[in-house]
């Protein structure tokens, strides 16, 4: 037999889990406003680690959002480290390209999009910048005659023993 009326307390008990979920999603939206790329990943990770650790629903939703937000970043990261190719049409990556600049300043770090938990110091982030920058330089040298003869084979960064693998 169904009850015809519900008390305010019963309504509160039934709606509390939904209210908790909405509060988490509201915080996610607030964190995501005006952020993209590495800055968004950093913001979501801070929510996960500092604000919602131990909250299973929040951890699940934040882990899923982080997983999806990280995919394009890691694709750019992999291409940058293994070949010096930067494809970032939305300016979301930690490396920025400046076409008008000389080679020395053509690529720069964008600290707002640098993943803080992967690169806690500026030196670590600079190594990523330099690795891709040097691969870009090597790739641009392919136009030189020595590379067109086919006598020189360029190794990949991982097979060259540079330790540029991420897991």
C-alpha atoms as a PDB file:
ATOM      1  CA  UNK A   1       0.000   0.000   0.000  1.00  0.00           C
ATOM      2  CA  UNK A   2       1.368   3.409  -1.017  1.00  0.00           C
ATOM      3  CA  UNK A   3       1.435   6.373   1.225  1.00  0.00           C
ATOM      4  CA  UNK A   4      -0.432   9.338  -0.166  1.00  0.00           C
ATOM      5  CA  UNK A   5       1.614  11.953   1.627  1.00  0.00           C
ATOM      6  CA  UNK A   6       5.315  12.389   2.182  1.00  0.00           C
ATOM      7  CA  UNK A   7       6.760  14.239   5.112  1.00  0.00           C
ATOM      8  CA  UNK A   8       9.318  16.990   4.638  1.00  0.00           C
ATOM      9  CA  UNK A   9      11.912  14.798   6.365  1.00  0.00           C
ATOM     10  CA  UNK A  10      11.259  11.891   3.968  1.00  0.00           C
ATOM     11  CA  UNK A  11      11.565  14.245   1.018  1.00  0.00           C
ATOM     12  CA  UNK A  12      14.860  15.551   2.400  1.00  0.00           C
ATOM     13  CA  UNK A  13      16.243  12.029   2.871  1.00  0.00           C
ATOM     14  CA  UNK A  14      15.248  11.025  -0.650  1.00  0.00           C
ATOM     15  CA  UNK A  15      16.581  14.194  -2.297  1.00  0.00           C
ATOM     16  CA  UNK A  16      19.851  14.533  -0.319  1.00  0.00           C
ATOM     17  CA  UNK A  17      21.980  12.281  -2.590  1.00  0.00           C
ATOM     18  CA  UNK A  18      20.808  14.236  -5.631  1.00  0.00           C
ATOM     19  CA  UNK A  19      21.549  17.536  -3.896  1.00  0.00           C
ATOM     20  CA  UNK A  20      25.057  16.273  -3.055  1.00  0.00           C
ATOM     21  CA  UNK A  21      25.656  15.311  -6.681  1.00  0.00           C
ATOM     22  CA  UNK A  22      24.411  18.676  -7.902  1.00  0.00           C
ATOM     23  CA  UNK A  23      26.722  20.444  -5.449  1.00  0.00           C
ATOM     24  CA  UNK A  24      29.721  18.541  -6.881  1.00  0.00           C
ATOM     25  CA  UNK A  25      28.675  19.295 -10.451  1.00  0.00           C
ATOM     26  CA  UNK A  26      28.146  22.948  -9.564  1.00  0.00           C
ATOM     27  CA  UNK A  27      31.697  23.126  -8.196  1.00  0.00           C
ATOM     28  CA  UNK A  28      33.003  21.449 -11.362  1.00  0.00           C
ATOM     29  CA  UNK A  29      31.244  24.028 -13.526  1.00  0.00           C
ATOM     30  CA  UNK A  30      32.544  26.880 -11.374  1.00  0.00           C
ATOM     31  CA  UNK A  31      36.086  25.468 -11.657  1.00  0.00           C
ATOM     32  CA  UNK A  32      35.832  24.958 -15.415  1.00  0.00           C
ATOM     33  CA  UNK A  33      34.642  28.477 -16.269  1.00  0.00           C
ATOM     34  CA  UNK A  34      37.225  30.288 -18.404  1.00  0.00           C
ATOM     35  CA  UNK A  35      39.666  27.353 -18.259  1.00  0.00           C
ATOM     36  CA  UNK A  36      40.817  25.028 -20.970  1.00  0.00           C
ATOM     37  CA  UNK A  37      43.577  22.534 -21.609  1.00  0.00           C
ATOM     38  CA  UNK A  38      46.185  22.221 -18.895  1.00  0.00           C
ATOM     39  CA  UNK A  39      44.526  24.880 -16.729  1.00  0.00           C
ATOM     40  CA  UNK A  40      41.270  22.898 -16.740  1.00  0.00           C
ATOM     41  CA  UNK A  41      43.101  19.658 -15.925  1.00  0.00           C
ATOM     42  CA  UNK A  42      44.893  21.380 -13.040  1.00  0.00           C
ATOM     43  CA  UNK A  43      41.611  22.773 -11.673  1.00  0.00           C
ATOM     44  CA  UNK A  44      39.805  19.430 -11.845  1.00  0.00           C
ATOM     45  CA  UNK A  45      42.727  17.644 -10.227  1.00  0.00           C
ATOM     46  CA  UNK A  46      42.807  20.158  -7.372  1.00  0.00           C
ATOM     47  CA  UNK A  47      39.104  19.539  -6.762  1.00  0.00           C
ATOM     48  CA  UNK A  48      39.700  15.797  -6.707  1.00  0.00           C
ATOM     49  CA  UNK A  49      42.713  15.855  -4.406  1.00  0.00           C
ATOM     50  CA  UNK A  50      41.876  18.701  -2.050  1.00  0.00           C
ATOM     51  CA  UNK A  51      38.130  19.081  -1.883  1.00  0.00           C
ATOM     52  CA  UNK A  52      36.461  15.769  -2.704  1.00  0.00           C
ATOM     53  CA  UNK A  53      38.903  13.094  -1.618  1.00  0.00           C
ATOM     54  CA  UNK A  54      36.877  10.352   0.068  1.00  0.00           C
ATOM     55  CA  UNK A  55      33.610  11.301  -1.660  1.00  0.00           C
ATOM     56  CA  UNK A  56      33.062   8.301  -3.946  1.00  0.00           C
ATOM     57  CA  UNK A  57      30.608  10.022  -6.294  1.00  0.00           C
ATOM     58  CA  UNK A  58      32.787  13.108  -6.627  1.00  0.00           C
ATOM     59  CA  UNK A  59      35.899  10.994  -7.152  1.00  0.00           C
ATOM     60  CA  UNK A  60      34.152   8.974  -9.874  1.00  0.00           C
ATOM     61  CA  UNK A  61      32.863  11.992 -11.787  1.00  0.00           C
ATOM     62  CA  UNK A  62      36.129  13.913 -11.455  1.00  0.00           C
ATOM     63  CA  UNK A  63      38.188  10.881 -12.494  1.00  0.00           C
ATOM     64  CA  UNK A  64      36.018  10.491 -15.596  1.00  0.00           C
ATOM     65  CA  UNK A  65      36.242  14.189 -16.438  1.00  0.00           C
ATOM     66  CA  UNK A  66      40.012  14.177 -15.897  1.00  0.00           C
ATOM     67  CA  UNK A  67      40.396  11.107 -18.077  1.00  0.00           C
ATOM     68  CA  UNK A  68      38.510  12.745 -20.930  1.00  0.00           C
ATOM     69  CA  UNK A  69      40.147  16.179 -20.515  1.00  0.00           C
ATOM     70  CA  UNK A  70      43.612  14.639 -20.445  1.00  0.00           C
ATOM     71  CA  UNK A  71      43.304  12.694 -23.731  1.00  0.00           C
ATOM     72  CA  UNK A  72      43.890  15.609 -26.157  1.00  0.00           C
ATOM     73  CA  UNK A  73      46.581  17.063 -23.902  1.00  0.00           C
ATOM     74  CA  UNK A  74      48.486  13.771 -23.798  1.00  0.00           C
ATOM     75  CA  UNK A  75      48.144  13.355 -27.569  1.00  0.00           C
ATOM     76  CA  UNK A  76      49.773  16.769 -28.040  1.00  0.00           C
ATOM     77  CA  UNK A  77      52.369  15.897 -25.393  1.00  0.00           C
ATOM     78  CA  UNK A  78      53.281  12.648 -27.164  1.00  0.00           C
ATOM     79  CA  UNK A  79      53.616  14.297 -30.586  1.00  0.00           C
ATOM     80  CA  UNK A  80      55.700  17.088 -29.120  1.00  0.00           C
ATOM     81  CA  UNK A  81      58.097  14.762 -27.294  1.00  0.00           C
ATOM     82  CA  UNK A  82      58.485  12.194 -30.048  1.00  0.00           C
ATOM     83  CA  UNK A  83      58.669  14.411 -33.111  1.00  0.00           C
ATOM     84  CA  UNK A  84      58.597  18.103 -32.204  1.00  0.00           C
ATOM     85  CA  UNK A  85      55.187  18.503 -33.818  1.00  0.00           C
ATOM     86  CA  UNK A  86      52.852  20.977 -32.167  1.00  0.00           C
ATOM     87  CA  UNK A  87      49.229  20.931 -33.244  1.00  0.00           C
ATOM     88  CA  UNK A  88      47.305  23.112 -30.820  1.00  0.00           C
ATOM     89  CA  UNK A  89      44.642  25.137 -32.648  1.00  0.00           C
ATOM     90  CA  UNK A  90      42.871  26.127 -29.401  1.00  0.00           C
ATOM     91  CA  UNK A  91      46.015  27.199 -27.483  1.00  0.00           C
ATOM     92  CA  UNK A  92      45.439  24.620 -24.728  1.00  0.00           C
ATOM     93  CA  UNK A  93      48.875  23.018 -24.517  1.00  0.00           C
ATOM     94  CA  UNK A  94      51.806  23.945 -22.298  1.00  0.00           C
ATOM     95  CA  UNK A  95      53.928  24.874 -25.333  1.00  0.00           C
ATOM     96  CA  UNK A  96      52.951  27.831 -27.504  1.00  0.00           C
ATOM     97  CA  UNK A  97      54.115  28.529 -31.042  1.00  0.00           C
ATOM     98  CA  UNK A  98      55.029  32.038 -32.210  1.00  0.00           C
ATOM     99  CA  UNK A  99      55.376  32.022 -35.985  1.00  0.00           C
ATOM    100  CA  UNK A 100      56.887  35.503 -36.256  1.00  0.00           C
ATOM    101  CA  UNK A 101      59.672  34.789 -33.750  1.00  0.00           C
ATOM    102  CA  UNK A 102      63.196  33.589 -34.484  1.00  0.00           C
ATOM    103  CA  UNK A 103      63.917  29.909 -33.755  1.00  0.00           C
ATOM    104  CA  UNK A 104      65.090  30.660 -30.212  1.00  0.00           C
ATOM    105  CA  UNK A 105      61.766  32.248 -29.238  1.00  0.00           C
ATOM    106  CA  UNK A 106      59.485  30.373 -31.612  1.00  0.00           C
ATOM    107  CA  UNK A 107      58.313  27.996 -28.877  1.00  0.00           C
ATOM    108  CA  UNK A 108      57.629  29.101 -25.312  1.00  0.00           C
ATOM    109  CA  UNK A 109      56.149  27.628 -22.155  1.00  0.00           C
ATOM    110  CA  UNK A 110      52.641  28.623 -21.165  1.00  0.00           C
ATOM    111  CA  UNK A 111      52.741  28.183 -17.395  1.00  0.00           C
ATOM    112  CA  UNK A 112      48.968  28.417 -17.061  1.00  0.00           C
ATOM    113  CA  UNK A 113      48.626  25.226 -19.128  1.00  0.00           C
ATOM    114  CA  UNK A 114      51.519  23.313 -17.578  1.00  0.00           C
ATOM    115  CA  UNK A 115      50.353  20.310 -15.567  1.00  0.00           C
ATOM    116  CA  UNK A 116      51.447  21.122 -12.031  1.00  0.00           C
ATOM    117  CA  UNK A 117      51.485  17.528 -10.779  1.00  0.00           C
ATOM    118  CA  UNK A 118      53.635  16.311 -13.713  1.00  0.00           C
ATOM    119  CA  UNK A 119      55.996  19.292 -13.760  1.00  0.00           C
ATOM    120  CA  UNK A 120      56.273  20.727 -10.241  1.00  0.00           C
ATOM    121  CA  UNK A 121      59.341  22.806 -11.162  1.00  0.00           C
ATOM    122  CA  UNK A 122      60.042  25.121 -14.058  1.00  0.00           C
ATOM    123  CA  UNK A 123      63.144  23.081 -14.931  1.00  0.00           C
ATOM    124  CA  UNK A 124      61.085  19.950 -15.626  1.00  0.00           C
ATOM    125  CA  UNK A 125      58.691  21.854 -17.877  1.00  0.00           C
ATOM    126  CA  UNK A 126      61.624  23.493 -19.668  1.00  0.00           C
ATOM    127  CA  UNK A 127      63.033  20.028 -20.473  1.00  0.00           C
ATOM    128  CA  UNK A 128      59.790  19.195 -22.263  1.00  0.00           C
ATOM    129  CA  UNK A 129      60.010  22.478 -24.167  1.00  0.00           C
ATOM    130  CA  UNK A 130      63.605  21.807 -25.209  1.00  0.00           C
ATOM    131  CA  UNK A 131      63.006  18.167 -26.180  1.00  0.00           C
ATOM    132  CA  UNK A 132      60.283  19.052 -28.672  1.00  0.00           C
ATOM    133  CA  UNK A 133      62.125  22.143 -29.809  1.00  0.00           C
ATOM    134  CA  UNK A 134      65.214  20.113 -30.671  1.00  0.00           C
ATOM    135  CA  UNK A 135      63.136  17.491 -32.499  1.00  0.00           C
ATOM    136  CA  UNK A 136      61.560  20.319 -34.482  1.00  0.00           C
ATOM    137  CA  UNK A 137      65.044  21.557 -35.332  1.00  0.00           C
ATOM    138  CA  UNK A 138      66.140  18.102 -36.440  1.00  0.00           C
ATOM    139  CA  UNK A 139      62.972  17.691 -38.481  1.00  0.00           C
ATOM    140  CA  UNK A 140      63.508  21.054 -40.164  1.00  0.00           C
ATOM    141  CA  UNK A 141      67.034  19.943 -41.079  1.00  0.00           C
ATOM    142  CA  UNK A 142      65.569  17.119 -43.142  1.00  0.00           C
ATOM    143  CA  UNK A 143      65.387  19.682 -45.947  1.00  0.00           C
ATOM    144  CA  UNK A 144      69.183  19.853 -45.975  1.00  0.00           C
ATOM    145  CA  UNK A 145      70.918  17.755 -48.639  1.00  0.00           C
ATOM    146  CA  UNK A 146      72.534  15.336 -46.181  1.00  0.00           C
ATOM    147  CA  UNK A 147      69.101  14.149 -45.086  1.00  0.00           C
ATOM    148  CA  UNK A 148      67.758  13.905 -48.627  1.00  0.00           C
ATOM    149  CA  UNK A 149      70.439  11.399 -49.623  1.00  0.00           C
ATOM    150  CA  UNK A 150      68.924   8.842 -47.281  1.00  0.00           C
ATOM    151  CA  UNK A 151      72.280   8.199 -45.619  1.00  0.00           C
ATOM    152  CA  UNK A 152      71.135   9.505 -42.248  1.00  0.00           C
ATOM    153  CA  UNK A 153      68.299   7.834 -40.343  1.00  0.00           C
ATOM    154  CA  UNK A 154      66.718   9.797 -37.505  1.00  0.00           C
ATOM    155  CA  UNK A 155      65.989   7.713 -34.391  1.00  0.00           C
ATOM    156  CA  UNK A 156      62.861   8.199 -32.348  1.00  0.00           C
ATOM    157  CA  UNK A 157      63.405   9.900 -28.975  1.00  0.00           C
ATOM    158  CA  UNK A 158      62.517   6.726 -27.094  1.00  0.00           C
ATOM    159  CA  UNK A 159      64.822   4.441 -29.095  1.00  0.00           C
ATOM    160  CA  UNK A 160      67.646   6.962 -28.826  1.00  0.00           C
ATOM    161  CA  UNK A 161      67.784   6.276 -25.084  1.00  0.00           C
ATOM    162  CA  UNK A 162      66.645   9.753 -24.104  1.00  0.00           C
ATOM    163  CA  UNK A 163      64.134   8.427 -21.585  1.00  0.00           C
ATOM    164  CA  UNK A 164      61.318  10.505 -23.042  1.00  0.00           C
ATOM    165  CA  UNK A 165      58.559   8.029 -22.347  1.00  0.00           C
ATOM    166  CA  UNK A 166      55.523   8.733 -20.232  1.00  0.00           C
ATOM    167  CA  UNK A 167      53.290   6.170 -18.643  1.00  0.00           C
END
